[in-house]
Amino acid sequence: MTISTVPRPERAEPGAYGERKRPKQFMITDWASDEMDKVADELGITRSEVLERLIRCGGLAAAKKYDSGAGQCRDESV
């Protein structure tokens, strides 16, 4: 059995956002993890950088539109 490793993208320098990143832990579904991996691979960045950018680009506002009962985002234009 051969195990190959893929080089990880460089981590953001400590001052990239004016503060140091700290380790955090959270749980997500396998689907969400796979989607995050796709974006990270496409952009050549880490998963934590994907999350950082998502939050900084309005992802929290989008999260408020999610309807757990329907399993989809609410269309607020209707």
N, C-alpha and C. Protein backbone atom coordinates (compact mmCIF):
# COMPACT_ATOMS: atom_id res chain seq x y z
N MET A 1 0.85 -1.18 0.00
CA MET A 1 0.00 0.00 0.00
C MET A 1 0.89 1.24 0.00
N THR A 2 0.64 2.13 -0.92
CA THR A 2 1.40 3.36 -1.02
C THR A 2 0.55 4.52 -0.52
N ILE A 3 1.12 5.31 0.35
CA ILE A 3 0.42 6.49 0.85
C ILE A 3 1.14 7.70 0.31
N SER A 4 0.39 8.54 -0.37
CA SER A 4 0.98 9.77 -0.88
C SER A 4 0.42 10.95 -0.11
N THR A 5 1.21 11.96 0.02
CA THR A 5 0.77 13.16 0.72
C THR A 5 0.70 14.32 -0.25
N VAL A 6 -0.24 15.17 0.00
CA VAL A 6 -0.41 16.37 -0.81
C VAL A 6 0.09 17.54 0.04
N PRO A 7 0.98 18.36 -0.49
CA PRO A 7 1.48 19.48 0.31
C PRO A 7 0.35 20.43 0.67
N ARG A 8 0.34 20.85 1.92
CA ARG A 8 -0.68 21.79 2.37
C ARG A 8 -0.30 23.19 1.96
N PRO A 9 -1.29 24.00 1.64
CA PRO A 9 -0.98 25.40 1.33
C PRO A 9 -0.35 26.08 2.55
N GLU A 10 0.42 27.10 2.30
CA GLU A 10 1.03 27.82 3.41
C GLU A 10 -0.06 28.47 4.26
N ARG A 11 0.18 28.50 5.54
CA ARG A 11 -0.78 29.14 6.44
C ARG A 11 -0.63 30.65 6.35
N ALA A 12 -1.73 31.33 6.59
CA ALA A 12 -1.69 32.79 6.56
C ALA A 12 -0.76 33.30 7.66
N GLU A 13 -0.05 34.36 7.36
CA GLU A 13 0.84 34.91 8.36
C GLU A 13 0.00 35.43 9.53
N PRO A 14 0.58 35.45 10.73
CA PRO A 14 -0.19 35.80 11.92
C PRO A 14 -0.91 37.13 11.85
N GLY A 15 -0.39 38.12 11.14
CA GLY A 15 -1.01 39.42 11.10
C GLY A 15 -1.92 39.68 9.91
N ALA A 16 -2.29 38.66 9.17
CA ALA A 16 -3.05 38.85 7.93
C ALA A 16 -4.37 39.59 8.16
N TYR A 17 -5.00 39.37 9.30
CA TYR A 17 -6.28 40.02 9.59
C TYR A 17 -6.18 40.95 10.80
N GLY A 18 -4.96 41.29 11.17
CA GLY A 18 -4.77 42.18 12.31
C GLY A 18 -4.86 41.47 13.65
N GLU A 19 -4.97 40.17 13.64
CA GLU A 19 -4.99 39.39 14.87
C GLU A 19 -4.53 37.97 14.57
N ARG A 20 -4.12 37.25 15.58
CA ARG A 20 -3.65 35.88 15.39
C ARG A 20 -4.83 34.93 15.32
N LYS A 21 -4.71 33.92 14.49
CA LYS A 21 -5.71 32.86 14.45
C LYS A 21 -5.46 31.91 15.62
N ARG A 22 -6.52 31.42 16.19
CA ARG A 22 -6.45 30.49 17.31
C ARG A 22 -7.18 29.20 16.94
N PRO A 23 -6.73 28.07 17.44
CA PRO A 23 -7.42 26.81 17.15
C PRO A 23 -8.83 26.81 17.72
N LYS A 24 -9.78 26.36 16.93
CA LYS A 24 -11.18 26.22 17.35
C LYS A 24 -11.65 24.85 16.89
N GLN A 25 -12.73 24.38 17.44
CA GLN A 25 -13.26 23.08 17.05
C GLN A 25 -14.76 23.21 16.84
N PHE A 26 -15.27 22.61 15.75
CA PHE A 26 -16.70 22.61 15.50
C PHE A 26 -17.04 21.36 14.71
N MET A 27 -18.33 21.05 14.67
CA MET A 27 -18.78 19.85 13.96
C MET A 27 -19.60 20.26 12.75
N ILE A 28 -19.35 19.61 11.60
CA ILE A 28 -20.13 19.82 10.39
C ILE A 28 -20.39 18.46 9.74
N THR A 29 -21.33 18.43 8.82
CA THR A 29 -21.64 17.19 8.12
C THR A 29 -20.53 16.85 7.14
N ASP A 30 -20.51 15.60 6.73
CA ASP A 30 -19.53 15.18 5.71
C ASP A 30 -19.73 15.97 4.43
N TRP A 31 -20.99 16.24 4.06
CA TRP A 31 -21.27 17.00 2.83
C TRP A 31 -20.64 18.39 2.91
N ALA A 32 -20.86 19.08 4.04
CA ALA A 32 -20.31 20.43 4.20
C ALA A 32 -18.78 20.39 4.18
N SER A 33 -18.21 19.38 4.80
CA SER A 33 -16.75 19.22 4.81
C SER A 33 -16.21 19.01 3.40
N ASP A 34 -16.90 18.17 2.63
CA ASP A 34 -16.48 17.93 1.25
C ASP A 34 -16.56 19.20 0.41
N GLU A 35 -17.62 19.98 0.60
CA GLU A 35 -17.77 21.23 -0.14
C GLU A 35 -16.67 22.22 0.24
N MET A 36 -16.33 22.28 1.52
CA MET A 36 -15.26 23.16 1.97
C MET A 36 -13.93 22.73 1.36
N ASP A 37 -13.70 21.42 1.30
CA ASP A 37 -12.47 20.90 0.69
C ASP A 37 -12.38 21.28 -0.78
N LYS A 38 -13.50 21.21 -1.50
CA LYS A 38 -13.50 21.56 -2.93
C LYS A 38 -13.08 23.01 -3.12
N VAL A 39 -13.65 23.90 -2.31
CA VAL A 39 -13.32 25.32 -2.43
C VAL A 39 -11.86 25.56 -2.05
N ALA A 40 -11.42 24.94 -0.97
CA ALA A 40 -10.02 25.11 -0.54
C ALA A 40 -9.06 24.63 -1.62
N ASP A 41 -9.35 23.48 -2.22
CA ASP A 41 -8.50 22.96 -3.28
C ASP A 41 -8.50 23.89 -4.50
N GLU A 42 -9.68 24.37 -4.86
CA GLU A 42 -9.81 25.26 -6.03
C GLU A 42 -9.01 26.54 -5.84
N LEU A 43 -9.05 27.09 -4.63
CA LEU A 43 -8.37 28.36 -4.36
C LEU A 43 -6.94 28.18 -3.86
N GLY A 44 -6.56 26.95 -3.53
CA GLY A 44 -5.22 26.70 -3.03
C GLY A 44 -4.99 27.27 -1.64
N ILE A 45 -6.04 27.23 -0.80
CA ILE A 45 -5.95 27.75 0.56
C ILE A 45 -6.38 26.67 1.55
N THR A 46 -6.21 26.94 2.83
CA THR A 46 -6.60 25.98 3.86
C THR A 46 -8.10 26.05 4.11
N ARG A 47 -8.60 25.01 4.76
CA ARG A 47 -10.02 24.99 5.14
C ARG A 47 -10.34 26.13 6.10
N SER A 48 -9.43 26.42 7.01
CA SER A 48 -9.68 27.51 7.95
C SER A 48 -9.73 28.86 7.23
N GLU A 49 -8.95 29.01 6.18
CA GLU A 49 -8.99 30.25 5.40
C GLU A 49 -10.30 30.36 4.63
N VAL A 50 -10.83 29.23 4.14
CA VAL A 50 -12.15 29.24 3.49
C VAL A 50 -13.19 29.75 4.46
N LEU A 51 -13.19 29.23 5.68
CA LEU A 51 -14.16 29.65 6.69
C LEU A 51 -13.98 31.12 7.04
N GLU A 52 -12.74 31.56 7.20
CA GLU A 52 -12.45 32.97 7.51
C GLU A 52 -13.03 33.88 6.43
N ARG A 53 -12.77 33.53 5.17
CA ARG A 53 -13.26 34.35 4.05
C ARG A 53 -14.78 34.32 3.96
N LEU A 54 -15.37 33.16 4.19
CA LEU A 54 -16.83 33.03 4.15
C LEU A 54 -17.48 33.98 5.15
N ILE A 55 -16.96 33.99 6.36
CA ILE A 55 -17.52 34.85 7.39
C ILE A 55 -17.28 36.32 7.06
N ARG A 56 -16.10 36.66 6.60
CA ARG A 56 -15.77 38.05 6.29
C ARG A 56 -16.52 38.58 5.07
N CYS A 57 -17.00 37.67 4.20
CA CYS A 57 -17.71 38.08 2.98
C CYS A 57 -19.23 37.95 3.09
N GLY A 58 -19.75 37.91 4.30
CA GLY A 58 -21.20 37.92 4.47
C GLY A 58 -21.85 36.56 4.68
N GLY A 59 -21.07 35.55 4.91
CA GLY A 59 -21.62 34.21 5.10
C GLY A 59 -22.55 34.09 6.30
N LEU A 60 -22.32 34.87 7.34
CA LEU A 60 -23.19 34.80 8.51
C LEU A 60 -24.57 35.33 8.19
N ALA A 61 -24.66 36.37 7.37
CA ALA A 61 -25.96 36.89 6.95
C ALA A 61 -26.71 35.85 6.13
N ALA A 62 -25.99 35.13 5.26
CA ALA A 62 -26.61 34.08 4.46
C ALA A 62 -27.08 32.93 5.35
N ALA A 63 -26.33 32.62 6.40
CA ALA A 63 -26.70 31.53 7.31
C ALA A 63 -28.03 31.82 8.00
N LYS A 64 -28.33 33.08 8.23
CA LYS A 64 -29.59 33.45 8.88
C LYS A 64 -30.79 33.19 7.99
N LYS A 65 -30.57 33.02 6.68
CA LYS A 65 -31.65 32.77 5.73
C LYS A 65 -31.99 31.29 5.61
N TYR A 66 -31.21 30.40 6.26
CA TYR A 66 -31.41 28.96 6.12
C TYR A 66 -32.61 28.51 6.93
N ASP A 67 -33.52 27.79 6.30
CA ASP A 67 -34.72 27.24 6.95
C ASP A 67 -34.47 25.76 7.23
N SER A 68 -34.19 25.44 8.49
CA SER A 68 -33.89 24.05 8.86
C SER A 68 -35.05 23.11 8.58
N GLY A 69 -36.26 23.60 8.76
CA GLY A 69 -37.45 22.77 8.52
C GLY A 69 -37.57 22.37 7.06
N ALA A 70 -37.27 23.29 6.16
CA ALA A 70 -37.36 23.03 4.72
C ALA A 70 -36.06 22.45 4.16
N GLY A 71 -34.98 22.59 4.91
CA GLY A 71 -33.69 22.10 4.44
C GLY A 71 -33.11 22.90 3.29
N GLN A 72 -33.43 24.19 3.25
CA GLN A 72 -32.92 25.05 2.18
C GLN A 72 -32.95 26.51 2.62
N CYS A 73 -32.33 27.35 1.83
CA CYS A 73 -32.32 28.78 2.11
C CYS A 73 -33.65 29.40 1.72
N ARG A 74 -34.12 30.34 2.54
CA ARG A 74 -35.35 31.06 2.23
C ARG A 74 -35.07 32.07 1.12
N ASP A 75 -35.98 32.18 0.21
CA ASP A 75 -35.88 33.19 -0.85
C ASP A 75 -36.59 34.43 -0.34
N GLU A 76 -35.83 35.42 0.07
CA GLU A 76 -36.42 36.62 0.66
C GLU A 76 -36.87 37.63 -0.37
N SER A 77 -36.70 37.31 -1.66
CA SER A 77 -37.14 38.24 -2.71
C SER A 77 -38.62 38.06 -3.02
N VAL A 78 -39.22 37.01 -2.46
CA VAL A 78 -40.64 36.72 -2.74
C VAL A 78 -41.51 37.49 -1.79
